[in-house]
Amino acid sequence: MTDTTAAAGQNSSIWPGLALTALIAAVAFGLRLVPGVDALSPLILSILLGMALHNTIGTRGAAKPGVTLSLKVILKAGIVLLGLQLTTGQVIEVGLRGVGIIAATLVATFVFTKWLGRRLGVGAGLTELIAAGTAVCGASAVIATNTVTRASDEDVAYAVACVTVFGSLSMVLIPVVEATLLHLGPDAYGLWSGAVIHEVAQVVAAAFQQGDAAGHTGTIAKLTRVMMLAPLVLALSLLARQRSEGASGSGATIPWFVFGFIAMVGVASSGIVPAAAEPWHRGLTQFLLAMALAAMGLETDIRKLAAEGARPAILGAASWLFIVALGLGLVLFLAPGG
């Protein structure tokens, strides 16, 4: 068989790779039934499993086309479907002041992280991924932002690790600080947790520890923050396009799937999706994103990951402390009581 024929055959064989990433995602969902492991999201478990597989027995060449498809197409489909979990009514429920606090915290954290990353000498791509993951919504924001940033898989894995570790610390420590020191009202506490904790599941776990009212406010605040992922990715795309045009005269690609995300928010806001369908589309969204993270793990070399050193971890820690402190300050100043 000639090299051309082999390449053509491999390019048409997407199924082995798709089956592999789907299997890893399924195992990740299954592992969440194990006590203690359920604290980790399927997305985190998927990238860890993919990395373990790749760095022990390797990723077979026959799987490459399907793995690439998971990274490029399955990922974008999952981000589009993520829009079905959000409605404009949720933004209205948070209120103008709450939306202002969330937006200000998000933008300031992103800008601060980018600035500090340059000062620490962390690569621009990795800095941008940590900034997005901390400011918006953890692993989902990391992989969505990387469609524009186009950093290495090792950078993606490092950023996901950062937001997972520090988001988990927030999930554990913020309820303790609230119960022992702050004693915020349920609305103020829910707004704080929703505005600063990384992952949706982490917000739910932390916010509901202070009662149903705090849990409801925290969840809605967090989903409002997730909705801001679309304008962030579009803004980064436009900036990348301007830099590309200035350097070479050709523009970067606009991430059109973001408009699909916005369209799905519109569909969810219209009320035409029955409530009974929510567990199904939510589960499908998580599964597709888990497949994408599994694919990233299958292309991540731990030796390259270790070569990044401690500076990105320091950046992730500083970004985490910044968003927690700023969010609390804005809540205390602009939304006292509750």
C-alpha atoms as a PDB file:
ATOM      1  CA  MET A   1       0.000   0.000   0.000  1.00  0.00           C
ATOM      2  CA  THR A   2       1.392   3.410  -0.938  1.00  0.00           C
ATOM      3  CA  ASP A   3       1.747   6.241   1.583  1.00  0.00           C
ATOM      4  CA  THR A   4      -1.043   8.140  -0.191  1.00  0.00           C
ATOM      5  CA  THR A   5      -3.407   5.192  -0.011  1.00  0.00           C
ATOM      6  CA  ALA A   6      -2.590   4.624   3.657  1.00  0.00           C
ATOM      7  CA  ALA A   7      -3.181   8.278   4.463  1.00  0.00           C
ATOM      8  CA  ALA A   8      -6.493   8.275   2.604  1.00  0.00           C
ATOM      9  CA  GLY A   9      -7.606   5.169   4.440  1.00  0.00           C
ATOM     10  CA  GLN A  10      -6.634   6.631   7.765  1.00  0.00           C
ATOM     11  CA  ASN A  11      -8.391   9.930   7.043  1.00  0.00           C
ATOM     12  CA  SER A  12     -11.653   8.097   6.329  1.00  0.00           C
ATOM     13  CA  SER A  13     -11.415   5.950   9.483  1.00  0.00           C
ATOM     14  CA  ILE A  14     -12.912   8.282  12.065  1.00  0.00           C
ATOM     15  CA  TRP A  15     -14.743   5.525  13.916  1.00  0.00           C
ATOM     16  CA  PRO A  16     -11.894   3.984  15.950  1.00  0.00           C
ATOM     17  CA  GLY A  17     -10.979   7.376  17.401  1.00  0.00           C
ATOM     18  CA  LEU A  18     -14.600   8.377  17.990  1.00  0.00           C
ATOM     19  CA  ALA A  19     -15.251   5.048  19.684  1.00  0.00           C
ATOM     20  CA  LEU A  20     -12.187   5.532  21.884  1.00  0.00           C
ATOM     21  CA  THR A  21     -13.108   9.055  23.003  1.00  0.00           C
ATOM     22  CA  ALA A  22     -16.729   7.967  23.573  1.00  0.00           C
ATOM     23  CA  LEU A  23     -15.556   4.985  25.641  1.00  0.00           C
ATOM     24  CA  ILE A  24     -13.331   7.199  27.777  1.00  0.00           C
ATOM     25  CA  ALA A  25     -16.218   9.633  28.307  1.00  0.00           C
ATOM     26  CA  ALA A  26     -18.528   6.755  29.268  1.00  0.00           C
ATOM     27  CA  VAL A  27     -15.983   5.426  31.770  1.00  0.00           C
ATOM     28  CA  ALA A  28     -15.638   8.945  33.216  1.00  0.00           C
ATOM     29  CA  PHE A  29     -19.395   9.129  33.762  1.00  0.00           C
ATOM     30  CA  GLY A  30     -19.333   5.663  35.324  1.00  0.00           C
ATOM     31  CA  LEU A  31     -16.515   6.597  37.710  1.00  0.00           C
ATOM     32  CA  ARG A  32     -18.682   9.360  39.147  1.00  0.00           C
ATOM     33  CA  LEU A  33     -20.765   6.629  40.771  1.00  0.00           C
ATOM     34  CA  VAL A  34     -17.769   5.802  42.956  1.00  0.00           C
ATOM     35  CA  PRO A  35     -17.954   7.587  46.357  1.00  0.00           C
ATOM     36  CA  GLY A  36     -15.416  10.418  46.517  1.00  0.00           C
ATOM     37  CA  VAL A  37     -14.811  10.459  42.766  1.00  0.00           C
ATOM     38  CA  ASP A  38     -18.165  12.186  42.207  1.00  0.00           C
ATOM     39  CA  ALA A  39     -16.536  15.437  43.337  1.00  0.00           C
ATOM     40  CA  LEU A  40     -14.809  15.562  39.933  1.00  0.00           C
ATOM     41  CA  SER A  41     -16.748  16.398  36.780  1.00  0.00           C
ATOM     42  CA  PRO A  42     -16.819  13.971  33.813  1.00  0.00           C
ATOM     43  CA  LEU A  43     -14.790  16.548  31.878  1.00  0.00           C
ATOM     44  CA  ILE A  44     -11.923  16.404  34.361  1.00  0.00           C
ATOM     45  CA  LEU A  45     -12.051  12.611  34.596  1.00  0.00           C
ATOM     46  CA  SER A  46     -12.056  12.308  30.802  1.00  0.00           C
ATOM     47  CA  ILE A  47      -8.890  14.331  30.278  1.00  0.00           C
ATOM     48  CA  LEU A  48      -7.172  12.448  33.106  1.00  0.00           C
ATOM     49  CA  LEU A  49      -8.128   9.077  31.619  1.00  0.00           C
ATOM     50  CA  GLY A  50      -7.044  10.177  28.147  1.00  0.00           C
ATOM     51  CA  MET A  51      -3.691  11.364  29.483  1.00  0.00           C
ATOM     52  CA  ALA A  52      -3.171   8.138  31.417  1.00  0.00           C
ATOM     53  CA  LEU A  53      -3.877   6.065  28.316  1.00  0.00           C
ATOM     54  CA  HIS A  54      -1.712   8.173  26.013  1.00  0.00           C
ATOM     55  CA  ASN A  55       1.271   8.241  28.370  1.00  0.00           C
ATOM     56  CA  THR A  56       1.215   4.524  29.161  1.00  0.00           C
ATOM     57  CA  ILE A  57       0.341   2.608  25.984  1.00  0.00           C
ATOM     58  CA  GLY A  58       0.119   5.511  23.542  1.00  0.00           C
ATOM     59  CA  THR A  59      -2.567   6.661  21.100  1.00  0.00           C
ATOM     60  CA  ARG A  60      -2.724   4.393  18.050  1.00  0.00           C
ATOM     61  CA  GLY A  61      -2.404   5.943  14.611  1.00  0.00           C
ATOM     62  CA  ALA A  62      -5.738   4.446  13.553  1.00  0.00           C
ATOM     63  CA  ALA A  63      -7.447   6.516  16.258  1.00  0.00           C
ATOM     64  CA  LYS A  64      -5.966   9.857  15.184  1.00  0.00           C
ATOM     65  CA  PRO A  65      -8.690  10.914  12.669  1.00  0.00           C
ATOM     66  CA  GLY A  66     -11.485  10.319  15.177  1.00  0.00           C
ATOM     67  CA  VAL A  67      -9.550  12.005  17.974  1.00  0.00           C
ATOM     68  CA  THR A  68      -9.027  15.035  15.728  1.00  0.00           C
ATOM     69  CA  LEU A  69     -12.751  15.076  14.879  1.00  0.00           C
ATOM     70  CA  SER A  70     -13.592  15.019  18.596  1.00  0.00           C
ATOM     71  CA  LEU A  71     -11.296  17.990  19.154  1.00  0.00           C
ATOM     72  CA  LYS A  72     -12.690  20.059  16.295  1.00  0.00           C
ATOM     73  CA  VAL A  73     -16.316  19.077  15.621  1.00  0.00           C
ATOM     74  CA  ILE A  74     -17.593  17.272  18.724  1.00  0.00           C
ATOM     75  CA  LEU A  75     -16.173  20.046  20.913  1.00  0.00           C
ATOM     76  CA  LYS A  76     -18.012  22.774  19.017  1.00  0.00           C
ATOM     77  CA  ALA A  77     -21.258  20.785  19.009  1.00  0.00           C
ATOM     78  CA  GLY A  78     -21.028  20.491  22.802  1.00  0.00           C
ATOM     79  CA  ILE A  79     -20.445  24.224  23.220  1.00  0.00           C
ATOM     80  CA  VAL A  80     -23.447  24.998  20.990  1.00  0.00           C
ATOM     81  CA  LEU A  81     -25.691  22.689  23.038  1.00  0.00           C
ATOM     82  CA  LEU A  82     -24.423  24.315  26.231  1.00  0.00           C
ATOM     83  CA  GLY A  83     -26.573  27.299  25.255  1.00  0.00           C
ATOM     84  CA  LEU A  84     -29.730  25.262  25.942  1.00  0.00           C
ATOM     85  CA  GLN A  85     -28.917  25.398  29.665  1.00  0.00           C
ATOM     86  CA  LEU A  86     -29.172  29.200  29.778  1.00  0.00           C
ATOM     87  CA  THR A  87     -32.034  31.675  29.405  1.00  0.00           C
ATOM     88  CA  THR A  88     -32.362  35.435  29.340  1.00  0.00           C
ATOM     89  CA  GLY A  89     -34.874  35.071  32.164  1.00  0.00           C
ATOM     90  CA  GLN A  90     -32.066  33.896  34.426  1.00  0.00           C
ATOM     91  CA  VAL A  91     -30.137  37.084  33.719  1.00  0.00           C
ATOM     92  CA  ILE A  92     -33.217  39.149  34.582  1.00  0.00           C
ATOM     93  CA  GLU A  93     -33.610  37.197  37.824  1.00  0.00           C
ATOM     94  CA  VAL A  94     -30.055  38.060  38.880  1.00  0.00           C
ATOM     95  CA  GLY A  95     -30.856  41.748  38.441  1.00  0.00           C
ATOM     96  CA  LEU A  96     -28.897  44.634  36.975  1.00  0.00           C
ATOM     97  CA  ARG A  97     -26.694  45.016  40.043  1.00  0.00           C
ATOM     98  CA  GLY A  98     -25.911  41.294  40.157  1.00  0.00           C
ATOM     99  CA  VAL A  99     -25.096  41.171  36.438  1.00  0.00           C
ATOM    100  CA  GLY A 100     -22.839  44.197  36.901  1.00  0.00           C
ATOM    101  CA  ILE A 101     -20.957  42.483  39.729  1.00  0.00           C
ATOM    102  CA  ILE A 102     -20.544  39.300  37.703  1.00  0.00           C
ATOM    103  CA  ALA A 103     -19.390  41.145  34.573  1.00  0.00           C
ATOM    104  CA  ALA A 104     -16.971  43.392  36.466  1.00  0.00           C
ATOM    105  CA  THR A 105     -15.468  40.422  38.309  1.00  0.00           C
ATOM    106  CA  LEU A 106     -15.091  38.456  35.064  1.00  0.00           C
ATOM    107  CA  VAL A 107     -13.453  41.250  33.064  1.00  0.00           C
ATOM    108  CA  ALA A 108     -11.151  42.378  35.878  1.00  0.00           C
ATOM    109  CA  THR A 109     -10.004  38.814  36.568  1.00  0.00           C
ATOM    110  CA  PHE A 110      -9.280  38.164  32.900  1.00  0.00           C
ATOM    111  CA  VAL A 111      -7.303  41.401  32.516  1.00  0.00           C
ATOM    112  CA  PHE A 112      -5.410  40.868  35.792  1.00  0.00           C
ATOM    113  CA  THR A 113      -4.468  37.299  34.843  1.00  0.00           C
ATOM    114  CA  LYS A 114      -3.236  38.364  31.399  1.00  0.00           C
ATOM    115  CA  TRP A 115      -1.132  41.125  32.989  1.00  0.00           C
ATOM    116  CA  LEU A 116       0.334  38.884  35.683  1.00  0.00           C
ATOM    117  CA  GLY A 117       1.020  36.106  33.166  1.00  0.00           C
ATOM    118  CA  ARG A 118       3.222  38.486  31.186  1.00  0.00           C
ATOM    119  CA  ARG A 119       5.029  39.547  34.362  1.00  0.00           C
ATOM    120  CA  LEU A 120       5.648  35.925  35.359  1.00  0.00           C
ATOM    121  CA  GLY A 121       6.818  34.946  31.891  1.00  0.00           C
ATOM    122  CA  VAL A 122       4.037  32.409  31.321  1.00  0.00           C
ATOM    123  CA  GLY A 123       3.239  31.765  27.651  1.00  0.00           C
ATOM    124  CA  ALA A 124       0.501  33.919  26.168  1.00  0.00           C
ATOM    125  CA  GLY A 125      -1.645  30.939  25.162  1.00  0.00           C
ATOM    126  CA  LEU A 126      -1.528  29.232  28.555  1.00  0.00           C
ATOM    127  CA  THR A 127      -2.127  32.555  30.317  1.00  0.00           C
ATOM    128  CA  GLU A 128      -5.228  33.179  28.212  1.00  0.00           C
ATOM    129  CA  LEU A 129      -6.609  29.715  28.989  1.00  0.00           C
ATOM    130  CA  ILE A 130      -6.068  30.103  32.744  1.00  0.00           C
ATOM    131  CA  ALA A 131      -7.630  33.566  32.584  1.00  0.00           C
ATOM    132  CA  ALA A 132     -10.742  32.276  30.799  1.00  0.00           C
ATOM    133  CA  GLY A 133     -11.105  29.192  32.994  1.00  0.00           C
ATOM    134  CA  THR A 134     -10.857  31.243  36.189  1.00  0.00           C
ATOM    135  CA  ALA A 135     -12.959  34.181  35.021  1.00  0.00           C
ATOM    136  CA  VAL A 136     -15.814  32.281  33.355  1.00  0.00           C
ATOM    137  CA  CYS A 137     -16.540  28.599  33.875  1.00  0.00           C
ATOM    138  CA  GLY A 138     -13.590  26.311  34.400  1.00  0.00           C
ATOM    139  CA  ALA A 139     -12.815  23.515  31.941  1.00  0.00           C
ATOM    140  CA  SER A 140     -15.630  24.441  29.537  1.00  0.00           C
ATOM    141  CA  ALA A 141     -14.241  27.953  29.172  1.00  0.00           C
ATOM    142  CA  VAL A 142     -10.714  26.614  28.705  1.00  0.00           C
ATOM    143  CA  ILE A 143     -11.646  24.390  25.770  1.00  0.00           C
ATOM    144  CA  ALA A 144     -13.958  26.994  24.228  1.00  0.00           C
ATOM    145  CA  THR A 145     -11.293  29.693  24.444  1.00  0.00           C
ATOM    146  CA  ASN A 146      -8.721  27.376  22.912  1.00  0.00           C
ATOM    147  CA  THR A 147     -10.711  27.330  19.662  1.00  0.00           C
ATOM    148  CA  VAL A 148      -9.405  30.891  19.268  1.00  0.00           C
ATOM    149  CA  THR A 149      -6.176  30.762  21.302  1.00  0.00           C
ATOM    150  CA  ARG A 150      -5.018  27.501  19.655  1.00  0.00           C
ATOM    151  CA  ALA A 151      -2.558  26.637  22.395  1.00  0.00           C
ATOM    152  CA  SER A 152      -0.953  23.192  22.709  1.00  0.00           C
ATOM    153  CA  ASP A 153      -2.804  20.271  24.263  1.00  0.00           C
ATOM    154  CA  GLU A 154      -0.307  20.411  27.134  1.00  0.00           C
ATOM    155  CA  ASP A 155      -1.312  24.028  27.787  1.00  0.00           C
ATOM    156  CA  VAL A 156      -4.976  23.009  27.771  1.00  0.00           C
ATOM    157  CA  ALA A 157      -4.292  20.177  30.221  1.00  0.00           C
ATOM    158  CA  TYR A 158      -2.325  22.493  32.520  1.00  0.00           C
ATOM    159  CA  ALA A 159      -5.075  25.130  32.468  1.00  0.00           C
ATOM    160  CA  VAL A 160      -7.758  22.515  33.182  1.00  0.00           C
ATOM    161  CA  ALA A 161      -5.673  21.217  36.103  1.00  0.00           C
ATOM    162  CA  CYS A 162      -5.317  24.744  37.505  1.00  0.00           C
ATOM    163  CA  VAL A 163      -8.990  25.605  37.375  1.00  0.00           C
ATOM    164  CA  THR A 164      -9.912  22.187  38.789  1.00  0.00           C
ATOM    165  CA  VAL A 165      -7.611  22.468  41.800  1.00  0.00           C
ATOM    166  CA  PHE A 166      -8.455  26.042  42.700  1.00  0.00           C
ATOM    167  CA  GLY A 167     -12.146  25.650  41.925  1.00  0.00           C
ATOM    168  CA  SER A 168     -12.225  22.677  44.283  1.00  0.00           C
ATOM    169  CA  LEU A 169     -10.524  24.759  46.976  1.00  0.00           C
ATOM    170  CA  SER A 170     -13.195  27.445  46.526  1.00  0.00           C
ATOM    171  CA  MET A 171     -15.929  24.833  46.789  1.00  0.00           C
ATOM    172  CA  VAL A 172     -14.539  23.684  50.157  1.00  0.00           C
ATOM    173  CA  LEU A 173     -13.281  26.946  51.680  1.00  0.00           C
ATOM    174  CA  ILE A 174     -15.900  29.518  50.678  1.00  0.00           C
ATOM    175  CA  PRO A 175     -18.743  27.851  52.659  1.00  0.00           C
ATOM    176  CA  VAL A 176     -16.420  27.613  55.677  1.00  0.00           C
ATOM    177  CA  VAL A 177     -15.476  31.297  55.466  1.00  0.00           C
ATOM    178  CA  GLU A 178     -19.155  32.217  55.093  1.00  0.00           C
ATOM    179  CA  ALA A 179     -20.267  30.126  58.083  1.00  0.00           C
ATOM    180  CA  THR A 180     -17.457  31.155  60.447  1.00  0.00           C
ATOM    181  CA  LEU A 181     -16.584  34.743  59.509  1.00  0.00           C
ATOM    182  CA  LEU A 182     -18.867  36.524  57.062  1.00  0.00           C
ATOM    183  CA  HIS A 183     -22.474  35.479  57.717  1.00  0.00           C
ATOM    184  CA  LEU A 184     -23.742  37.013  54.488  1.00  0.00           C
ATOM    185  CA  GLY A 185     -27.416  36.765  53.652  1.00  0.00           C
ATOM    186  CA  PRO A 186     -28.464  33.938  51.296  1.00  0.00           C
ATOM    187  CA  ASP A 187     -28.730  36.196  48.227  1.00  0.00           C
ATOM    188  CA  ALA A 188     -25.380  37.901  48.829  1.00  0.00           C
ATOM    189  CA  TYR A 189     -23.635  34.595  49.547  1.00  0.00           C
ATOM    190  CA  GLY A 190     -25.201  32.942  46.513  1.00  0.00           C
ATOM    191  CA  LEU A 191     -24.147  35.847  44.302  1.00  0.00           C
ATOM    192  CA  TRP A 192     -20.585  35.711  45.656  1.00  0.00           C
ATOM    193  CA  SER A 193     -20.224  31.958  45.131  1.00  0.00           C
ATOM    194  CA  GLY A 194     -21.773  32.108  41.662  1.00  0.00           C
ATOM    195  CA  ALA A 195     -19.533  34.994  40.621  1.00  0.00           C
ATOM    196  CA  VAL A 196     -16.207  33.497  41.714  1.00  0.00           C
ATOM    197  CA  ILE A 197     -16.222  29.667  41.838  1.00  0.00           C
ATOM    198  CA  HIS A 198     -14.951  28.015  38.669  1.00  0.00           C
ATOM    199  CA  GLU A 199     -17.260  25.114  37.661  1.00  0.00           C
ATOM    200  CA  VAL A 200     -21.075  25.006  37.704  1.00  0.00           C
ATOM    201  CA  ALA A 201     -21.074  21.797  39.767  1.00  0.00           C
ATOM    202  CA  GLN A 202     -18.699  23.372  42.288  1.00  0.00           C
ATOM    203  CA  VAL A 203     -20.994  26.387  42.649  1.00  0.00           C
ATOM    204  CA  VAL A 204     -24.012  24.152  43.235  1.00  0.00           C
ATOM    205  CA  ALA A 205     -22.131  22.164  45.890  1.00  0.00           C
ATOM    206  CA  ALA A 206     -20.920  25.287  47.712  1.00  0.00           C
ATOM    207  CA  ALA A 207     -24.014  27.463  47.427  1.00  0.00           C
ATOM    208  CA  PHE A 208     -26.581  24.906  48.591  1.00  0.00           C
ATOM    209  CA  GLN A 209     -24.591  24.324  51.789  1.00  0.00           C
ATOM    210  CA  GLN A 210     -26.125  27.595  53.010  1.00  0.00           C
ATOM    211  CA  GLY A 211     -29.705  26.673  52.130  1.00  0.00           C
ATOM    212  CA  ASP A 212     -32.020  26.502  49.129  1.00  0.00           C
ATOM    213  CA  ALA A 213     -32.267  30.284  48.667  1.00  0.00           C
ATOM    214  CA  ALA A 214     -28.483  30.671  48.505  1.00  0.00           C
ATOM    215  CA  GLY A 215     -28.217  27.633  46.247  1.00  0.00           C
ATOM    216  CA  HIS A 216     -30.791  28.997  43.824  1.00  0.00           C
ATOM    217  CA  THR A 217     -29.145  32.428  43.652  1.00  0.00           C
ATOM    218  CA  GLY A 218     -25.686  30.905  43.280  1.00  0.00           C
ATOM    219  CA  THR A 219     -26.759  28.617  40.440  1.00  0.00           C
ATOM    220  CA  ILE A 220     -28.505  31.393  38.518  1.00  0.00           C
ATOM    221  CA  ALA A 221     -25.542  33.745  39.027  1.00  0.00           C
ATOM    222  CA  LYS A 222     -23.169  31.092  37.746  1.00  0.00           C
ATOM    223  CA  LEU A 223     -25.266  30.362  34.654  1.00  0.00           C
ATOM    224  CA  THR A 224     -25.384  34.095  33.937  1.00  0.00           C
ATOM    225  CA  ARG A 225     -21.591  34.076  34.091  1.00  0.00           C
ATOM    226  CA  VAL A 226     -21.450  31.102  31.697  1.00  0.00           C
ATOM    227  CA  MET A 227     -23.574  33.097  29.238  1.00  0.00           C
ATOM    228  CA  MET A 228     -20.738  35.626  29.078  1.00  0.00           C
ATOM    229  CA  LEU A 229     -18.513  32.954  27.516  1.00  0.00           C
ATOM    230  CA  ALA A 230     -19.889  33.796  24.053  1.00  0.00           C
ATOM    231  CA  PRO A 231     -18.923  37.500  24.025  1.00  0.00           C
ATOM    232  CA  LEU A 232     -15.535  36.657  25.543  1.00  0.00           C
ATOM    233  CA  VAL A 233     -14.676  34.152  22.795  1.00  0.00           C
ATOM    234  CA  LEU A 234     -15.912  36.554  20.119  1.00  0.00           C
ATOM    235  CA  ALA A 235     -13.854  39.402  21.563  1.00  0.00           C
ATOM    236  CA  LEU A 236     -10.724  37.219  21.683  1.00  0.00           C
ATOM    237  CA  SER A 237     -11.385  36.138  18.105  1.00  0.00           C
ATOM    238  CA  LEU A 238     -11.638  39.740  16.908  1.00  0.00           C
ATOM    239  CA  LEU A 239      -8.409  40.649  18.710  1.00  0.00           C
ATOM    240  CA  ALA A 240      -6.662  37.633  17.176  1.00  0.00           C
ATOM    241  CA  ARG A 241      -8.014  38.636  13.772  1.00  0.00           C
ATOM    242  CA  GLN A 242      -6.639  42.159  14.127  1.00  0.00           C
ATOM    243  CA  ARG A 243      -3.215  40.840  15.177  1.00  0.00           C
ATOM    244  CA  SER A 244      -3.214  38.364  12.291  1.00  0.00           C
ATOM    245  CA  GLU A 245      -4.183  41.006   9.736  1.00  0.00           C
ATOM    246  CA  GLY A 246      -1.514  43.345  11.031  1.00  0.00           C
ATOM    247  CA  ALA A 247       1.141  40.642  10.817  1.00  0.00           C
ATOM    248  CA  SER A 248       0.323  38.888   7.567  1.00  0.00           C
ATOM    249  CA  GLY A 249      -2.642  40.531   5.919  1.00  0.00           C
ATOM    250  CA  SER A 250      -4.897  37.509   6.479  1.00  0.00           C
ATOM    251  CA  GLY A 251      -7.459  37.408   9.258  1.00  0.00           C
ATOM    252  CA  ALA A 252      -8.041  34.716  11.869  1.00  0.00           C
ATOM    253  CA  THR A 253     -11.185  32.602  11.596  1.00  0.00           C
ATOM    254  CA  ILE A 254     -14.335  33.866  13.322  1.00  0.00           C
ATOM    255  CA  PRO A 255     -15.658  31.119  15.659  1.00  0.00           C
ATOM    256  CA  TRP A 256     -19.085  30.746  14.039  1.00  0.00           C
ATOM    257  CA  PHE A 257     -20.143  28.062  16.500  1.00  0.00           C
ATOM    258  CA  VAL A 258     -20.458  30.820  19.131  1.00  0.00           C
ATOM    259  CA  PHE A 259     -23.461  32.125  17.204  1.00  0.00           C
ATOM    260  CA  GLY A 260     -24.925  28.637  17.478  1.00  0.00           C
ATOM    261  CA  PHE A 261     -24.445  28.907  21.244  1.00  0.00           C
ATOM    262  CA  ILE A 262     -26.292  32.246  21.251  1.00  0.00           C
ATOM    263  CA  ALA A 263     -29.062  30.764  19.086  1.00  0.00           C
ATOM    264  CA  MET A 264     -29.515  27.921  21.583  1.00  0.00           C
ATOM    265  CA  VAL A 265     -29.835  30.469  24.401  1.00  0.00           C
ATOM    266  CA  GLY A 266     -32.643  32.028  22.342  1.00  0.00           C
ATOM    267  CA  VAL A 267     -34.290  28.638  21.889  1.00  0.00           C
ATOM    268  CA  ALA A 268     -34.095  27.920  25.630  1.00  0.00           C
ATOM    269  CA  SER A 269     -35.446  31.384  26.445  1.00  0.00           C
ATOM    270  CA  SER A 270     -38.451  30.871  24.151  1.00  0.00           C
ATOM    271  CA  GLY A 271     -39.743  28.031  26.303  1.00  0.00           C
ATOM    272  CA  ILE A 272     -40.290  25.666  23.383  1.00  0.00           C
ATOM    273  CA  VAL A 273     -37.937  23.038  24.822  1.00  0.00           C
ATOM    274  CA  PRO A 274     -39.992  20.864  27.229  1.00  0.00           C
ATOM    275  CA  ALA A 275     -38.733  20.561  30.788  1.00  0.00           C
ATOM    276  CA  ALA A 276     -38.685  16.778  30.405  1.00  0.00           C
ATOM    277  CA  ALA A 277     -35.983  17.135  27.749  1.00  0.00           C
ATOM    278  CA  GLU A 278     -33.582  19.011  30.044  1.00  0.00           C
ATOM    279  CA  PRO A 279     -31.819  15.968  31.558  1.00  0.00           C
ATOM    280  CA  TRP A 280     -31.289  14.566  28.064  1.00  0.00           C
ATOM    281  CA  HIS A 281     -29.770  17.627  26.397  1.00  0.00           C
ATOM    282  CA  ARG A 282     -27.779  18.452  29.544  1.00  0.00           C
ATOM    283  CA  GLY A 283     -26.375  14.919  29.619  1.00  0.00           C
ATOM    284  CA  LEU A 284     -25.610  14.966  25.882  1.00  0.00           C
ATOM    285  CA  THR A 285     -23.800  18.287  26.249  1.00  0.00           C
ATOM    286  CA  GLN A 286     -21.640  16.946  29.063  1.00  0.00           C
ATOM    287  CA  PHE A 287     -20.916  13.765  27.128  1.00  0.00           C
ATOM    288  CA  LEU A 288     -19.798  15.615  23.984  1.00  0.00           C
ATOM    289  CA  LEU A 289     -17.552  17.931  25.994  1.00  0.00           C
ATOM    290  CA  ALA A 290     -16.168  14.907  27.858  1.00  0.00           C
ATOM    291  CA  MET A 291     -15.322  13.302  24.492  1.00  0.00           C
ATOM    292  CA  ALA A 292     -13.454  16.472  23.495  1.00  0.00           C
ATOM    293  CA  LEU A 293     -11.499  16.497  26.763  1.00  0.00           C
ATOM    294  CA  ALA A 294     -10.705  12.799  26.321  1.00  0.00           C
ATOM    295  CA  ALA A 295      -9.293  13.640  22.880  1.00  0.00           C
ATOM    296  CA  MET A 296      -7.118  16.365  24.386  1.00  0.00           C
ATOM    297  CA  GLY A 297      -5.849  13.905  26.967  1.00  0.00           C
ATOM    298  CA  LEU A 298      -5.020  11.450  24.193  1.00  0.00           C
ATOM    299  CA  GLU A 299      -2.701  14.056  22.656  1.00  0.00           C
ATOM    300  CA  THR A 300      -1.119  15.348  25.874  1.00  0.00           C
ATOM    301  CA  ASP A 301       2.460  14.407  26.735  1.00  0.00           C
ATOM    302  CA  ILE A 302       3.003  14.525  30.504  1.00  0.00           C
ATOM    303  CA  ARG A 303       6.714  15.278  29.992  1.00  0.00           C
ATOM    304  CA  LYS A 304       5.823  18.446  28.089  1.00  0.00           C
ATOM    305  CA  LEU A 305       3.242  19.269  30.769  1.00  0.00           C
ATOM    306  CA  ALA A 306       5.878  18.994  33.499  1.00  0.00           C
ATOM    307  CA  ALA A 307       8.212  21.202  31.469  1.00  0.00           C
ATOM    308  CA  GLU A 308       5.812  24.115  31.999  1.00  0.00           C
ATOM    309  CA  GLY A 309       7.144  24.387  35.564  1.00  0.00           C
ATOM    310  CA  ALA A 310       5.554  26.065  38.582  1.00  0.00           C
ATOM    311  CA  ARG A 311       4.951  29.545  37.189  1.00  0.00           C
ATOM    312  CA  PRO A 312       1.589  28.717  35.558  1.00  0.00           C
ATOM    313  CA  ALA A 313       0.440  27.185  38.866  1.00  0.00           C
ATOM    314  CA  ILE A 314       1.435  30.390  40.664  1.00  0.00           C
ATOM    315  CA  LEU A 315      -0.525  32.334  38.057  1.00  0.00           C
ATOM    316  CA  GLY A 316      -3.568  30.106  38.584  1.00  0.00           C
ATOM    317  CA  ALA A 317      -3.361  30.578  42.361  1.00  0.00           C
ATOM    318  CA  ALA A 318      -3.024  34.354  42.082  1.00  0.00           C
ATOM    319  CA  SER A 319      -5.921  34.539  39.627  1.00  0.00           C
ATOM    320  CA  TRP A 320      -8.065  32.437  41.979  1.00  0.00           C
ATOM    321  CA  LEU A 321      -7.300  34.639  44.998  1.00  0.00           C
ATOM    322  CA  PHE A 322      -7.969  37.753  42.930  1.00  0.00           C
ATOM    323  CA  ILE A 323     -11.427  36.685  41.749  1.00  0.00           C
ATOM    324  CA  VAL A 324     -12.474  35.484  45.214  1.00  0.00           C
ATOM    325  CA  ALA A 325     -11.364  38.722  46.914  1.00  0.00           C
ATOM    326  CA  LEU A 326     -12.718  41.047  44.221  1.00  0.00           C
ATOM    327  CA  GLY A 327     -16.053  39.238  44.058  1.00  0.00           C
ATOM    328  CA  LEU A 328     -16.466  39.426  47.827  1.00  0.00           C
ATOM    329  CA  GLY A 329     -15.538  43.114  47.874  1.00  0.00           C
ATOM    330  CA  LEU A 330     -18.074  43.977  45.182  1.00  0.00           C
ATOM    331  CA  VAL A 331     -20.818  41.965  46.868  1.00  0.00           C
ATOM    332  CA  LEU A 332     -20.163  43.615  50.245  1.00  0.00           C
ATOM    333  CA  PHE A 333     -20.042  47.094  48.702  1.00  0.00           C
ATOM    334  CA  LEU A 334     -22.835  46.853  46.127  1.00  0.00           C
ATOM    335  CA  ALA A 335     -25.113  44.107  47.418  1.00  0.00           C
ATOM    336  CA  PRO A 336     -24.912  44.114  51.237  1.00  0.00           C
ATOM    337  CA  GLY A 337     -27.355  42.021  53.188  1.00  0.00           C
ATOM    338  CA  GLY A 338     -29.624  39.731  51.222  1.00  0.00           C
END
